Protein backbone atom coordinates (compact mmCIF):
# COMPACT_ATOMS: atom_id res chain seq x y z
CA UNK A 1 -5.81 21.79 51.52
CA UNK A 2 -4.60 18.41 52.95
CA UNK A 3 -6.44 15.75 50.56
CA UNK A 4 -7.70 12.80 52.72
CA UNK A 5 -9.16 10.71 49.42
CA UNK A 6 -6.12 9.52 48.01
CA UNK A 7 -4.87 6.51 49.54
CA UNK A 8 -1.33 5.12 51.03
CA UNK A 9 0.66 4.07 48.62
CA UNK A 10 4.84 3.66 47.94
CA UNK A 11 5.90 6.18 45.14
CA UNK A 12 9.90 4.71 44.83
CA UNK A 13 11.97 7.68 43.40
CA UNK A 14 13.18 6.22 40.09
CA UNK A 15 11.30 2.44 39.22
CA UNK A 16 13.95 0.61 36.18
CA UNK A 17 11.89 -2.22 35.63
CA UNK A 18 8.69 -0.61 35.18
CA UNK A 19 10.51 1.83 32.00
CA UNK A 20 12.04 -1.61 31.13
CA UNK A 21 8.83 -3.47 30.99
CA UNK A 22 6.99 -1.22 28.75
CA UNK A 23 9.54 -2.17 26.03
CA UNK A 24 10.70 -4.85 27.15
CA UNK A 25 10.34 -6.46 23.97
CA UNK A 26 12.26 -4.04 21.82
CA UNK A 27 15.14 -3.97 24.29
CA UNK A 28 14.97 -7.82 23.95
CA UNK A 29 15.68 -7.80 20.05
CA UNK A 30 18.26 -4.90 20.22
CA UNK A 31 20.63 -7.24 22.38
CA UNK A 32 19.90 -10.30 20.50
CA UNK A 33 21.07 -8.00 18.01
CA UNK A 34 24.25 -7.90 19.11
CA UNK A 35 24.74 -11.01 20.21
CA UNK A 36 23.86 -12.59 17.14
CA UNK A 37 26.79 -10.32 15.23
CA UNK A 38 29.30 -10.71 17.76
CA UNK A 39 30.29 -7.31 17.41
CA UNK A 40 30.60 -5.37 21.13
CA UNK A 41 33.06 -2.64 20.92
CA UNK A 42 31.64 0.29 18.09
CA UNK A 43 30.57 -1.21 14.72
CA UNK A 44 27.27 -1.19 13.17
CA UNK A 45 25.48 -0.40 16.28
CA UNK A 46 27.40 2.41 17.17
CA UNK A 47 26.81 4.31 13.93
CA UNK A 48 23.70 4.00 13.70
CA UNK A 49 22.81 5.23 16.93
CA UNK A 50 25.25 8.40 16.34
CA UNK A 51 23.10 8.87 13.18
CA UNK A 52 19.68 8.62 14.62
CA UNK A 53 20.71 10.91 17.77
CA UNK A 54 22.18 13.20 14.58
CA UNK A 55 18.39 13.64 13.77
CA UNK A 56 16.47 13.87 17.16
CA UNK A 57 19.16 16.66 18.29
CA UNK A 58 19.56 18.80 15.32
CA UNK A 59 22.96 18.32 15.51
CA UNK A 60 25.71 18.09 12.84
CA UNK A 61 27.57 15.72 14.25
CA UNK A 62 27.41 12.90 17.27
CA UNK A 63 30.38 10.98 19.38
CA UNK A 64 29.09 8.28 21.20
CA UNK A 65 31.43 7.53 24.66
CA UNK A 66 32.13 5.68 27.44
CA UNK A 67 30.15 7.63 29.71
CA UNK A 68 28.97 11.19 30.66
CA UNK A 69 32.54 11.83 32.24
CA UNK A 70 34.46 10.75 29.35
CA UNK A 71 32.36 12.80 27.34
CA UNK A 72 33.29 15.61 29.12
CA UNK A 73 36.74 14.92 29.39
CA UNK A 74 37.62 14.27 25.70
CA UNK A 75 35.90 17.55 24.81
CA UNK A 76 38.10 19.81 26.68
CA UNK A 77 40.97 17.26 25.83
CA UNK A 78 39.86 17.98 22.16
CA UNK A 79 39.72 22.20 22.87
CA UNK A 80 43.18 21.58 23.68
CA UNK A 81 42.28 22.57 27.50
CA UNK A 82 44.99 21.89 29.84
CA UNK A 83 48.06 22.67 32.78
CA UNK A 84 47.86 26.58 33.09
CA UNK A 85 44.62 26.77 31.65
CA UNK A 86 41.30 28.06 33.76
CA UNK A 87 37.73 26.58 33.50
CA UNK A 88 34.79 28.28 34.30
CA UNK A 89 31.44 26.76 35.72
CA UNK A 90 28.93 25.78 38.18
CA UNK A 91 29.10 24.89 42.06
CA UNK A 92 25.89 23.22 41.73
CA UNK A 93 26.47 20.16 39.84
CA UNK A 94 27.32 16.91 39.44
CA UNK A 95 31.18 16.07 40.37
CA UNK A 96 32.61 15.33 36.86
CA UNK A 97 31.80 18.85 35.38
CA UNK A 98 34.35 20.22 37.77
CA UNK A 99 36.63 16.69 37.69
CA UNK A 100 37.00 16.30 33.95
CA UNK A 101 38.44 19.91 33.80
CA UNK A 102 40.46 19.29 36.82
CA UNK A 103 41.47 15.83 34.69
CA UNK A 104 43.02 17.37 31.89
CA UNK A 105 45.26 19.56 34.37
CA UNK A 106 42.92 22.81 34.18
CA UNK A 107 42.21 25.12 37.55
CA UNK A 108 38.77 25.07 37.86
CA UNK A 109 37.07 28.73 38.64
CA UNK A 110 33.43 28.20 40.21
CA UNK A 111 30.86 31.34 39.50
CA UNK A 112 27.38 31.42 41.26
CA UNK A 113 24.27 29.98 40.39
CA UNK A 114 21.04 31.97 39.22
CA UNK A 115 18.64 32.33 42.15
CA UNK A 116 15.41 31.15 40.22
CA UNK A 117 17.24 28.93 37.88
CA UNK A 118 20.07 27.31 40.17
CA UNK A 119 22.15 27.49 36.58
CA UNK A 120 25.07 29.18 36.20
CA UNK A 121 24.46 32.98 36.17
CA UNK A 122 25.81 34.04 33.17
CA UNK A 123 26.81 37.20 34.18
CA UNK A 124 29.15 36.26 37.25
CA UNK A 125 31.18 33.34 34.97
CA UNK A 126 31.71 36.21 32.74
CA UNK A 127 32.73 38.15 35.46
CA UNK A 128 35.31 35.44 36.17
CA UNK A 129 37.09 35.15 32.88
CA UNK A 130 40.91 35.97 33.46
CA UNK A 131 43.71 36.28 30.91
CA UNK A 132 43.74 31.96 31.33
CA UNK A 133 40.37 31.55 30.78
CA UNK A 134 40.15 28.37 28.11
CA UNK A 135 36.48 27.61 28.53
CA UNK A 136 33.47 27.93 30.07
CA UNK A 137 31.27 24.95 30.95
CA UNK A 138 27.42 25.68 31.98
CA UNK A 139 24.76 22.99 32.99
CA UNK A 140 21.05 22.26 32.17
CA UNK A 141 20.50 21.86 35.49
CA UNK A 142 17.59 19.47 36.17
CA UNK A 143 16.54 19.83 32.59
CA UNK A 144 16.08 23.65 32.75
CA UNK A 145 17.57 25.25 29.86
CA UNK A 146 20.75 26.99 31.15
CA UNK A 147 21.54 30.44 29.65
CA UNK A 148 24.74 29.90 27.83
CA UNK A 149 27.20 33.37 27.83
CA UNK A 150 28.33 35.06 25.14
CA UNK A 151 32.19 34.64 25.73
CA UNK A 152 35.15 35.13 23.04
CA UNK A 153 36.58 31.38 23.56
CA UNK A 154 34.60 27.60 23.47
CA UNK A 155 31.47 27.48 26.16
CA UNK A 156 30.52 23.64 26.58
CA UNK A 157 26.84 22.66 27.41
CA UNK A 158 27.14 19.68 30.30
CA UNK A 159 23.55 18.48 29.36
CA UNK A 160 23.67 15.12 31.09
CA UNK A 161 19.77 16.15 32.22
CA UNK A 162 18.52 17.58 29.40
CA UNK A 163 19.82 14.98 26.58
CA UNK A 164 18.96 16.00 23.40
CA UNK A 165 15.63 18.73 24.38
CA UNK A 166 17.82 22.16 24.34
CA UNK A 167 19.29 23.23 20.90
CA UNK A 168 22.84 23.58 20.85
CA UNK A 169 24.23 27.25 21.37
CA UNK A 170 27.76 26.62 22.75
CA UNK A 171 30.72 24.62 20.71
CA UNK A 172 29.37 21.30 21.98
CA UNK A 173 27.17 19.60 24.00
CA UNK A 174 28.32 16.44 26.98
CA UNK A 175 25.52 13.75 27.34
CA UNK A 176 25.40 11.38 29.71
CA UNK A 177 23.06 8.16 29.26
CA UNK A 178 23.34 6.90 32.70
CA UNK A 179 20.43 4.72 33.45
CA UNK A 180 18.36 7.71 35.39
CA UNK A 181 18.27 9.49 32.74
CA UNK A 182 15.72 10.42 30.17
CA UNK A 183 17.52 8.84 28.09
CA UNK A 184 19.27 5.82 29.94
CA UNK A 185 21.58 3.04 28.85
CA UNK A 186 21.68 -0.05 30.72
CA UNK A 187 25.29 1.08 32.30
CA UNK A 188 27.27 3.55 31.31
CA UNK A 189 27.25 5.65 28.11
CA UNK A 190 27.57 9.23 26.93
CA UNK A 191 28.23 11.30 23.50
CA UNK A 192 29.53 14.71 22.52
CA UNK A 193 26.79 16.81 19.88
CA UNK A 194 28.29 19.52 17.51
CA UNK A 195 28.23 21.32 14.47
CA UNK A 196 31.99 21.63 14.16
CA UNK A 197 33.08 19.01 11.74
CA UNK A 198 37.21 19.52 13.39
CA UNK A 199 35.66 19.38 16.63
CA UNK A 200 33.93 15.96 15.83
CA UNK A 201 37.18 14.41 14.13
CA UNK A 202 39.31 15.29 16.98
CA UNK A 203 36.24 13.64 19.75
CA UNK A 204 36.27 10.52 17.71
CA UNK A 205 40.22 10.13 17.03
CA UNK A 206 40.54 11.00 20.59
CA UNK A 207 38.19 7.97 22.05
CA UNK A 208 40.22 5.10 20.54
CA UNK A 209 43.49 6.06 21.53
CA UNK A 210 43.97 8.88 19.60
CA UNK A 211 45.20 6.28 16.86
CA UNK A 212 44.14 6.48 13.20
CA UNK A 213 44.69 3.83 11.77
CA UNK A 214 44.83 1.08 14.26
CA UNK A 215 48.25 0.85 16.10
CA UNK A 216 49.21 4.57 14.73
CA UNK A 217 48.75 7.14 17.42
CA UNK A 218 48.13 10.92 16.28
CA UNK A 219 47.67 11.61 19.88
CA UNK A 220 47.66 10.72 23.45
CA UNK A 221 44.06 10.14 24.22
CA UNK A 222 41.61 7.57 25.82
CA UNK A 223 39.47 4.59 26.26
CA UNK A 224 36.31 6.51 25.58
CA UNK A 225 34.56 4.33 23.34
CA UNK A 226 30.45 3.38 23.45
CA UNK A 227 29.65 -0.29 23.32
CA UNK A 228 27.71 -1.92 21.16
CA UNK A 229 25.25 -2.90 23.68
CA UNK A 230 24.78 0.64 24.88
CA UNK A 231 24.55 1.90 21.29
CA UNK A 232 21.61 -1.14 20.90
CA UNK A 233 19.86 -0.27 23.61
CA UNK A 234 19.46 3.20 23.83
CA UNK A 235 18.59 3.13 19.98
CA UNK A 236 15.67 1.25 21.01
CA UNK A 237 14.99 3.62 24.00
CA UNK A 238 15.90 6.90 21.51
CA UNK A 239 12.22 6.48 19.84
CA UNK A 240 10.26 6.69 22.88
CA UNK A 241 12.00 9.75 24.09
CA UNK A 242 10.17 12.77 23.35
CA UNK A 243 6.55 11.07 24.44
CA UNK A 244 8.76 9.99 28.02
CA UNK A 245 9.85 13.82 28.00
CA UNK A 246 6.02 14.96 27.33
CA UNK A 247 5.27 12.60 29.99
CA UNK A 248 7.48 14.50 32.56
CA UNK A 249 6.12 17.73 31.42
CA UNK A 250 2.58 16.92 32.03
CA UNK A 251 3.82 15.56 35.28
CA UNK A 252 5.47 18.44 36.19
CA UNK A 253 1.95 20.66 35.36
CA UNK A 254 0.04 18.30 37.79
CA UNK A 255 2.55 18.88 40.53
CA UNK A 256 2.12 22.51 39.88
CA UNK A 257 -1.52 22.31 40.12
CA UNK A 258 -1.33 20.28 43.21
CA UNK A 259 0.65 22.75 45.14
CA UNK A 260 -1.49 25.49 43.77
CA UNK A 261 -4.35 24.12 45.85
CA UNK A 262 -2.57 22.82 48.80
CA UNK A 263 -1.87 25.31 51.71
CA UNK A 264 1.77 25.84 51.30
CA UNK A 265 3.96 28.51 53.56
CA UNK A 266 5.47 30.57 50.98
CA UNK A 267 9.01 29.74 52.15
CA UNK A 268 8.47 26.24 49.60
CA UNK A 269 9.59 26.95 46.18
CA UNK A 270 9.11 24.86 42.97
CA UNK A 271 11.31 24.91 39.92
CA UNK A 272 11.26 27.67 37.50
CA UNK A 273 9.56 26.87 34.63
CA UNK A 274 10.88 27.30 30.42
CA UNK A 275 8.99 25.37 27.60
CA UNK A 276 12.00 23.28 26.94
CA UNK A 277 12.34 21.94 30.17
CA UNK A 278 12.34 18.19 30.55
CA UNK A 279 11.70 17.39 34.26
CA UNK A 280 15.01 15.17 34.54
CA UNK A 281 13.97 16.06 38.15
CA UNK A 282 11.62 18.07 39.77
CA UNK A 283 12.81 19.98 42.66
CA UNK A 284 11.28 21.81 45.17
CA UNK A 285 13.00 23.94 47.77
CA UNK A 286 12.47 23.54 51.44
CA UNK A 287 14.29 25.35 54.29
CA UNK A 288 13.15 21.90 56.35
CA UNK A 289 14.28 19.91 53.46
CA UNK A 290 16.04 17.28 55.71
CA UNK A 291 12.96 17.24 57.89
CA UNK A 292 10.54 16.93 54.98
CA UNK A 293 12.65 14.62 53.37
CA UNK A 294 12.55 11.79 56.46
CA UNK A 295 8.68 12.93 56.65
CA UNK A 296 8.33 11.37 52.85
CA UNK A 297 10.35 8.76 53.51
CA UNK A 298 7.81 7.49 56.49
CA UNK A 299 4.78 7.57 53.84
CA UNK A 300 6.99 5.54 51.28
CA UNK A 301 7.66 8.48 48.67
CA UNK A 302 11.65 8.16 47.56
CA UNK A 303 13.10 11.82 47.73
CA UNK A 304 16.81 13.23 46.09
CA UNK A 305 19.05 15.65 46.97
CA UNK A 306 21.37 16.95 44.30
CA UNK A 307 23.77 17.98 45.81
CA UNK A 308 24.10 18.29 49.04
CA UNK A 309 27.60 19.74 49.04
CA UNK A 310 28.74 22.41 46.35
CA UNK A 311 31.55 21.55 44.13
CA UNK A 312 33.84 24.64 45.74
CA UNK A 313 33.81 22.79 49.32
CA UNK A 314 34.55 19.71 48.35
CA UNK A 315 37.86 18.33 50.00
CA UNK A 316 39.59 17.83 46.99
CA UNK A 317 38.98 21.33 46.08
CA UNK A 318 40.34 22.93 49.24
CA UNK A 319 43.38 24.16 47.18
CA UNK A 320 41.39 26.46 45.04
CA UNK A 321 40.88 28.29 48.21
CA UNK A 322 36.71 28.83 48.31
CA UNK A 323 35.30 28.75 51.72
CA UNK A 324 31.83 28.90 53.33
CA UNK A 325 30.12 31.81 52.15
CA UNK A 326 32.03 31.97 48.69
CA UNK A 327 28.73 31.36 46.49
CA UNK A 328 26.28 31.78 48.92
CA UNK A 329 23.43 30.86 46.39
CA UNK A 330 24.93 28.09 45.28
CA UNK A 331 25.55 26.93 49.13
CA UNK A 332 21.77 27.88 49.88
CA UNK A 333 20.32 26.19 47.43
CA UNK A 334 22.46 22.82 48.56
CA UNK A 335 20.67 22.90 52.25
CA UNK A 336 17.53 23.42 50.05
CA UNK A 337 16.89 21.29 47.30
CA UNK A 338 14.72 18.15 46.86
CA UNK A 339 13.37 15.81 44.15
CA UNK A 340 10.65 15.03 43.80
CA UNK A 341 9.68 11.05 41.69
CA UNK A 342 9.16 12.26 37.60
CA UNK A 343 9.48 9.37 35.94
CA UNK A 344 7.60 8.64 33.46
CA UNK A 345 6.38 5.12 34.60
CA UNK A 346 4.95 6.42 38.35
CA UNK A 347 1.15 5.34 39.30
CA UNK A 348 -1.70 7.46 38.41
CA UNK A 349 -2.53 10.07 41.27
CA UNK A 350 1.26 9.74 42.52
CA UNK A 351 1.89 13.84 42.27
CA UNK A 352 -1.88 14.64 44.44
CA UNK A 353 -0.23 12.12 47.11
CA UNK A 354 3.18 13.12 46.99
CA UNK A 355 1.94 16.70 47.41
CA UNK A 356 -1.01 16.19 49.88
CA UNK A 357 1.92 14.62 52.41
CA UNK A 358 3.92 17.83 51.79
CA UNK A 359 1.08 19.93 52.70
CA UNK A 360 0.51 17.26 55.72
CA UNK A 361 4.32 18.29 56.96
CA UNK A 362 4.21 21.75 56.99
CA UNK A 363 0.24 21.30 58.83
CA UNK A 364 1.92 19.01 61.62
């Protein structure tokens, strides 16, 4: 039913200022530390963050990088993926997942997603293996843990949406600390997690132009280094990550309770549940998605679409030969997915208000 005792409110999709305000003193101190030290690339802040990330993730090694995209690129380079190789991945993800494989020269092979979780279907991924397959990249989409296929070659986890919440099962995980992530920097930043010492050492080499020692280049790498300022800010935030993730989970519980109490059509679907889901996004599926989004915007409720077009239909991948209908689960999802606000700094009663407005939309 529609609840009329909730006053109208403005619910932004994400509120960075509110998140920063909560720990502003810690962030200011972290920034001051970097300014006082005068070291802005690498150094003690990056090293300390990597140690703290190891402890938080349970992985043996953490290598900071300049972005989540560069984490993927460096990781694929370290695995020796290049021209003539194939990388299997999902078409329902941020562009960098596939773009990184293309940048190192590999041919991207897309496999469809599971209709319930919207993550890469492991059976379809294994079915896409050829003699040229060098790696599979699976994605913990929206914070929902993906099933990691049991493959005879490296499986990379794109953990941009899950940070350190999902135990590593592949050879390595690439993280993104884009500002809106569960653990967000004040700009671009990323990292690679792994248990493999050789792989960790290779990534550490490649992120600094492949030089060891300075000006002696053992490999052709890139400028994938993590800035000290971003590392310091991430250190300040990392100690709060578990609490923030629990707030997201609690909000997801309140969303589900509100949806259960409201009269909704069967066509509206809630995200799949998993005990390790950290709800980077709370994504519903609605066949009338665009109409619903406009209705919520008129009610001052921010939403986003992740993602409006599957990667196999992007113009830059036209040469791969995919057509509309090639991967129907992902294509349908792109027409239906709608992310609702779920950031930790949301106002009380926000979930009930949002669900109330969704119910009102369907009762028009």
